[in-house]
């Protein structure tokens, strides 16, 4: 069970790394720049979407 949990944690960490490095496969809605924090620092909200987060 510990091995399964460790593998699961590693998969989650790698998926989060890929998410932040390459953006999301779908547009992230926002109202202010603060809504785009999950996409990284310095990402701006333009036309209701986080620009640097969306592919």
C-alpha atoms as a PDB file:
ATOM      1  CA  UNK A   1       0.000   0.000   0.000  1.00  0.00           C
ATOM      2  CA  UNK A   2       2.876   2.381   0.724  1.00  0.00           C
ATOM      3  CA  UNK A   3       4.354   1.752  -2.722  1.00  0.00           C
ATOM      4  CA  UNK A   4       0.991   2.473  -4.375  1.00  0.00           C
ATOM      5  CA  UNK A   5       0.668   5.726  -2.423  1.00  0.00           C
ATOM      6  CA  UNK A   6       4.224   6.758  -3.323  1.00  0.00           C
ATOM      7  CA  UNK A   7       3.605   6.121  -7.037  1.00  0.00           C
ATOM      8  CA  UNK A   8       0.353   8.068  -6.843  1.00  0.00           C
ATOM      9  CA  UNK A   9       2.095  11.041  -5.222  1.00  0.00           C
ATOM     10  CA  UNK A  10       4.822  11.016  -7.885  1.00  0.00           C
ATOM     11  CA  UNK A  11       2.219  10.968 -10.671  1.00  0.00           C
ATOM     12  CA  UNK A  12       0.359  13.885  -9.113  1.00  0.00           C
ATOM     13  CA  UNK A  13       3.557  15.922  -8.752  1.00  0.00           C
ATOM     14  CA  UNK A  14       4.613  15.287 -12.347  1.00  0.00           C
ATOM     15  CA  UNK A  15       1.161  16.161 -13.675  1.00  0.00           C
ATOM     16  CA  UNK A  16       1.255  19.449 -11.738  1.00  0.00           C
ATOM     17  CA  UNK A  17       4.714  20.182 -13.127  1.00  0.00           C
ATOM     18  CA  UNK A  18       3.570  19.541 -16.689  1.00  0.00           C
ATOM     19  CA  UNK A  19       0.438  21.628 -16.082  1.00  0.00           C
ATOM     20  CA  UNK A  20       2.434  24.658 -14.956  1.00  0.00           C
ATOM     21  CA  UNK A  21       5.145  24.274 -17.598  1.00  0.00           C
ATOM     22  CA  UNK A  22       2.923  23.822 -20.654  1.00  0.00           C
ATOM     23  CA  UNK A  23      -0.338  25.453 -19.629  1.00  0.00           C
ATOM     24  CA  UNK A  24      -3.760  23.918 -19.478  1.00  0.00           C
ATOM     25  CA  UNK A  25      -5.529  22.139 -22.336  1.00  0.00           C
ATOM     26  CA  UNK A  26      -8.584  24.349 -21.802  1.00  0.00           C
ATOM     27  CA  UNK A  27      -9.003  28.095 -21.254  1.00  0.00           C
ATOM     28  CA  UNK A  28      -8.874  29.311 -17.645  1.00  0.00           C
ATOM     29  CA  UNK A  29     -11.561  31.904 -16.921  1.00  0.00           C
ATOM     30  CA  UNK A  30     -10.688  34.923 -14.803  1.00  0.00           C
ATOM     31  CA  UNK A  31     -11.952  38.302 -13.725  1.00  0.00           C
ATOM     32  CA  UNK A  32      -8.713  39.772 -12.357  1.00  0.00           C
ATOM     33  CA  UNK A  33      -4.995  38.961 -12.593  1.00  0.00           C
ATOM     34  CA  UNK A  34      -5.220  37.444  -9.114  1.00  0.00           C
ATOM     35  CA  UNK A  35      -7.421  34.626 -10.521  1.00  0.00           C
ATOM     36  CA  UNK A  36      -4.455  33.518 -12.667  1.00  0.00           C
ATOM     37  CA  UNK A  37      -2.120  32.733  -9.747  1.00  0.00           C
ATOM     38  CA  UNK A  38      -2.394  28.967 -10.402  1.00  0.00           C
ATOM     39  CA  UNK A  39      -0.858  29.592 -13.827  1.00  0.00           C
ATOM     40  CA  UNK A  40       2.265  31.212 -12.441  1.00  0.00           C
ATOM     41  CA  UNK A  41       3.503  34.637 -11.503  1.00  0.00           C
ATOM     42  CA  UNK A  42       3.065  37.502 -13.922  1.00  0.00           C
ATOM     43  CA  UNK A  43       0.193  35.919 -15.877  1.00  0.00           C
ATOM     44  CA  UNK A  44      -2.403  38.496 -16.869  1.00  0.00           C
ATOM     45  CA  UNK A  45      -6.144  38.258 -17.342  1.00  0.00           C
ATOM     46  CA  UNK A  46      -7.233  39.464 -20.777  1.00  0.00           C
ATOM     47  CA  UNK A  47     -10.723  39.187 -22.241  1.00  0.00           C
ATOM     48  CA  UNK A  48     -11.814  36.946 -19.365  1.00  0.00           C
ATOM     49  CA  UNK A  49      -9.030  34.352 -19.793  1.00  0.00           C
ATOM     50  CA  UNK A  50      -5.589  33.832 -18.277  1.00  0.00           C
ATOM     51  CA  UNK A  51      -3.356  34.466 -21.288  1.00  0.00           C
ATOM     52  CA  UNK A  52      -0.164  32.656 -20.273  1.00  0.00           C
ATOM     53  CA  UNK A  53      -2.004  29.630 -18.925  1.00  0.00           C
ATOM     54  CA  UNK A  54      -3.999  28.704 -22.013  1.00  0.00           C
ATOM     55  CA  UNK A  55      -2.364  26.919 -24.932  1.00  0.00           C
END
